[in-house]
Amino acid sequence: MLKGSGRSIPGIHLRDALDLVNKRLPGAIVRFGGHAMAAGLTLKPDSLTAFRETLDEVVRTSVDRSIFERVILTDGGLAPDEITEQLIEQINQQIWGQGFDAPIFANEFTVLRQ
């Protein structure tokens, strides 16, 4: 048996994609589980090629292609008087992670010294 796990990106529900593959290739996947952003599975070794092809087809046909476009979202710019050590300390004290991204400011800076 082959065992694997995967992580996804926003816009691709990995568990649902595996469910569709399982329905299109009955018996190939021994078991699977997970959620939108991560999943695991056990696969019959002789089904690997068909699994890859079917998963690729499921993603190509069910996902909005725009999710693959590189987009950088920002929190806008800061006025010079807003850029302070206090602001930097406040930002650094926060907990950031999935769904709670650290702010990205869109300013141009000149490095005076390093």
C-alpha atoms as a PDB file:
ATOM      1  CA  MET A   1       0.000   0.000   0.000  1.00  0.00           C
ATOM      2  CA  LEU A   2       1.054   3.577  -0.640  1.00  0.00           C
ATOM      3  CA  LYS A   3       0.388   6.209   1.980  1.00  0.00           C
ATOM      4  CA  GLY A   4       0.499   9.919   1.444  1.00  0.00           C
ATOM      5  CA  SER A   5      -0.611  13.249   2.725  1.00  0.00           C
ATOM      6  CA  GLY A   6      -1.082  16.616   1.148  1.00  0.00           C
ATOM      7  CA  ARG A   7      -1.563  20.274   1.844  1.00  0.00           C
ATOM      8  CA  SER A   8      -3.725  22.508  -0.268  1.00  0.00           C
ATOM      9  CA  ILE A   9      -4.103  26.141  -1.182  1.00  0.00           C
ATOM     10  CA  PRO A  10      -7.161  28.373  -0.826  1.00  0.00           C
ATOM     11  CA  GLY A  11      -9.636  27.480  -3.539  1.00  0.00           C
ATOM     12  CA  ILE A  12      -8.876  23.748  -3.666  1.00  0.00           C
ATOM     13  CA  HIS A  13     -10.763  21.678  -1.088  1.00  0.00           C
ATOM     14  CA  LEU A  14      -8.389  18.729  -0.858  1.00  0.00           C
ATOM     15  CA  ARG A  15     -10.717  16.301   0.912  1.00  0.00           C
ATOM     16  CA  ASP A  16     -13.518  16.979  -1.582  1.00  0.00           C
ATOM     17  CA  ALA A  17     -11.075  16.514  -4.472  1.00  0.00           C
ATOM     18  CA  LEU A  18     -10.058  13.125  -3.061  1.00  0.00           C
ATOM     19  CA  ASP A  19     -13.730  12.225  -2.675  1.00  0.00           C
ATOM     20  CA  LEU A  20     -14.296  12.909  -6.390  1.00  0.00           C
ATOM     21  CA  VAL A  21     -11.227  10.843  -7.314  1.00  0.00           C
ATOM     22  CA  ASN A  22     -12.529   8.022  -5.114  1.00  0.00           C
ATOM     23  CA  LYS A  23     -15.891   8.096  -6.922  1.00  0.00           C
ATOM     24  CA  ARG A  24     -14.239   8.100 -10.364  1.00  0.00           C
ATOM     25  CA  LEU A  25     -11.738   5.345  -9.478  1.00  0.00           C
ATOM     26  CA  PRO A  26     -13.657   2.915  -7.264  1.00  0.00           C
ATOM     27  CA  GLY A  27     -11.311   0.689  -5.264  1.00  0.00           C
ATOM     28  CA  ALA A  28      -8.116   2.628  -6.014  1.00  0.00           C
ATOM     29  CA  ILE A  29      -8.137   4.551  -2.744  1.00  0.00           C
ATOM     30  CA  VAL A  30      -8.274   2.248   0.266  1.00  0.00           C
ATOM     31  CA  ARG A  31      -9.116   5.091   2.638  1.00  0.00           C
ATOM     32  CA  PHE A  32      -8.792   8.845   2.882  1.00  0.00           C
ATOM     33  CA  GLY A  33      -9.744  11.699   5.147  1.00  0.00           C
ATOM     34  CA  GLY A  34      -8.998  15.269   5.940  1.00  0.00           C
ATOM     35  CA  HIS A  35     -10.410  18.708   5.379  1.00  0.00           C
ATOM     36  CA  ALA A  36     -10.156  21.619   2.958  1.00  0.00           C
ATOM     37  CA  MET A  37      -6.484  22.378   3.536  1.00  0.00           C
ATOM     38  CA  ALA A  38      -4.954  18.967   4.311  1.00  0.00           C
ATOM     39  CA  ALA A  39      -5.685  15.306   3.739  1.00  0.00           C
ATOM     40  CA  GLY A  40      -4.177  11.858   3.907  1.00  0.00           C
ATOM     41  CA  LEU A  41      -4.818   8.667   1.992  1.00  0.00           C
ATOM     42  CA  THR A  42      -3.887   5.046   1.468  1.00  0.00           C
ATOM     43  CA  LEU A  43      -3.701   4.015  -2.180  1.00  0.00           C
ATOM     44  CA  LYS A  44      -3.261   0.689  -3.974  1.00  0.00           C
ATOM     45  CA  PRO A  45       0.188   0.722  -5.647  1.00  0.00           C
ATOM     46  CA  ASP A  46      -1.127  -0.283  -9.068  1.00  0.00           C
ATOM     47  CA  SER A  47      -3.494   2.720  -9.020  1.00  0.00           C
ATOM     48  CA  LEU A  48      -0.848   5.441  -8.691  1.00  0.00           C
ATOM     49  CA  THR A  49      -0.785   6.531 -12.348  1.00  0.00           C
ATOM     50  CA  ALA A  50      -4.573   6.576 -12.666  1.00  0.00           C
ATOM     51  CA  PHE A  51      -4.818   8.417  -9.333  1.00  0.00           C
ATOM     52  CA  ARG A  52      -2.412  11.137 -10.487  1.00  0.00           C
ATOM     53  CA  GLU A  53      -4.230  11.594 -13.787  1.00  0.00           C
ATOM     54  CA  THR A  54      -7.657  11.659 -12.166  1.00  0.00           C
ATOM     55  CA  LEU A  55      -6.661  14.066  -9.400  1.00  0.00           C
ATOM     56  CA  ASP A  56      -5.135  16.371 -12.023  1.00  0.00           C
ATOM     57  CA  GLU A  57      -8.364  16.234 -14.042  1.00  0.00           C
ATOM     58  CA  VAL A  58     -10.525  16.887 -10.960  1.00  0.00           C
ATOM     59  CA  VAL A  59      -8.506  19.968 -10.043  1.00  0.00           C
ATOM     60  CA  ARG A  60      -8.337  21.277 -13.640  1.00  0.00           C
ATOM     61  CA  THR A  61     -12.080  20.941 -14.194  1.00  0.00           C
ATOM     62  CA  SER A  62     -13.424  22.035 -10.824  1.00  0.00           C
ATOM     63  CA  VAL A  63     -11.204  24.944  -9.809  1.00  0.00           C
ATOM     64  CA  ASP A  64     -11.360  28.571 -10.854  1.00  0.00           C
ATOM     65  CA  ARG A  65      -8.052  29.111 -12.709  1.00  0.00           C
ATOM     66  CA  SER A  66      -7.752  32.595 -11.223  1.00  0.00           C
ATOM     67  CA  ILE A  67      -6.579  31.059  -7.927  1.00  0.00           C
ATOM     68  CA  PHE A  68      -3.250  30.366  -9.634  1.00  0.00           C
ATOM     69  CA  GLU A  69      -2.681  34.017 -10.515  1.00  0.00           C
ATOM     70  CA  ARG A  70      -0.142  35.700  -8.264  1.00  0.00           C
ATOM     71  CA  VAL A  71      -1.862  38.459  -6.325  1.00  0.00           C
ATOM     72  CA  ILE A  72      -0.300  40.482  -3.536  1.00  0.00           C
ATOM     73  CA  LEU A  73      -2.832  42.011  -1.189  1.00  0.00           C
ATOM     74  CA  THR A  74      -1.624  44.909   0.920  1.00  0.00           C
ATOM     75  CA  ASP A  75      -2.915  46.988   3.769  1.00  0.00           C
ATOM     76  CA  GLY A  76      -2.079  50.138   1.833  1.00  0.00           C
ATOM     77  CA  GLY A  77       0.598  52.649   2.598  1.00  0.00           C
ATOM     78  CA  LEU A  78       1.636  54.410   5.763  1.00  0.00           C
ATOM     79  CA  ALA A  79       2.278  58.112   6.105  1.00  0.00           C
ATOM     80  CA  PRO A  80       5.847  58.876   7.235  1.00  0.00           C
ATOM     81  CA  ASP A  81       4.648  59.941  10.693  1.00  0.00           C
ATOM     82  CA  GLU A  82       2.858  56.588  11.128  1.00  0.00           C
ATOM     83  CA  ILE A  83       6.068  54.586  10.745  1.00  0.00           C
ATOM     84  CA  THR A  84       7.313  54.470  14.316  1.00  0.00           C
ATOM     85  CA  GLU A  85       9.196  52.083  16.568  1.00  0.00           C
ATOM     86  CA  GLN A  86       6.005  51.753  18.627  1.00  0.00           C
ATOM     87  CA  LEU A  87       4.080  50.535  15.556  1.00  0.00           C
ATOM     88  CA  ILE A  88       6.820  48.031  14.734  1.00  0.00           C
ATOM     89  CA  GLU A  89       6.789  46.733  18.323  1.00  0.00           C
ATOM     90  CA  GLN A  90       2.986  46.400  18.265  1.00  0.00           C
ATOM     91  CA  ILE A  91       3.113  44.464  15.000  1.00  0.00           C
ATOM     92  CA  ASN A  92       5.896  42.200  16.274  1.00  0.00           C
ATOM     93  CA  GLN A  93       3.933  41.391  19.459  1.00  0.00           C
ATOM     94  CA  GLN A  94       0.943  40.042  17.550  1.00  0.00           C
ATOM     95  CA  ILE A  95       0.407  36.404  16.648  1.00  0.00           C
ATOM     96  CA  TRP A  96       0.112  35.885  12.902  1.00  0.00           C
ATOM     97  CA  GLY A  97      -0.778  32.743  10.993  1.00  0.00           C
ATOM     98  CA  GLN A  98      -3.226  31.229   8.560  1.00  0.00           C
ATOM     99  CA  GLY A  99      -6.243  33.507   8.400  1.00  0.00           C
ATOM    100  CA  PHE A 100      -4.408  36.143  10.435  1.00  0.00           C
ATOM    101  CA  ASP A 101      -1.729  37.387   8.070  1.00  0.00           C
ATOM    102  CA  ALA A 102       0.768  39.965   9.219  1.00  0.00           C
ATOM    103  CA  PRO A 103       0.154  43.357   7.620  1.00  0.00           C
ATOM    104  CA  ILE A 104       1.882  44.183   4.358  1.00  0.00           C
ATOM    105  CA  PHE A 105       2.363  47.883   3.763  1.00  0.00           C
ATOM    106  CA  ALA A 106       2.834  49.261   0.256  1.00  0.00           C
ATOM    107  CA  ASN A 107       5.413  51.994   0.664  1.00  0.00           C
ATOM    108  CA  GLU A 108       8.667  52.821  -1.056  1.00  0.00           C
ATOM    109  CA  PHE A 109      11.619  53.146   1.267  1.00  0.00           C
ATOM    110  CA  THR A 110      15.135  54.456   0.980  1.00  0.00           C
ATOM    111  CA  VAL A 111      17.731  52.560   2.987  1.00  0.00           C
ATOM    112  CA  LEU A 112      19.909  55.185   4.637  1.00  0.00           C
ATOM    113  CA  ARG A 113      22.343  52.751   6.249  1.00  0.00           C
ATOM    114  CA  GLN A 114      22.681  49.091   7.131  1.00  0.00           C
END
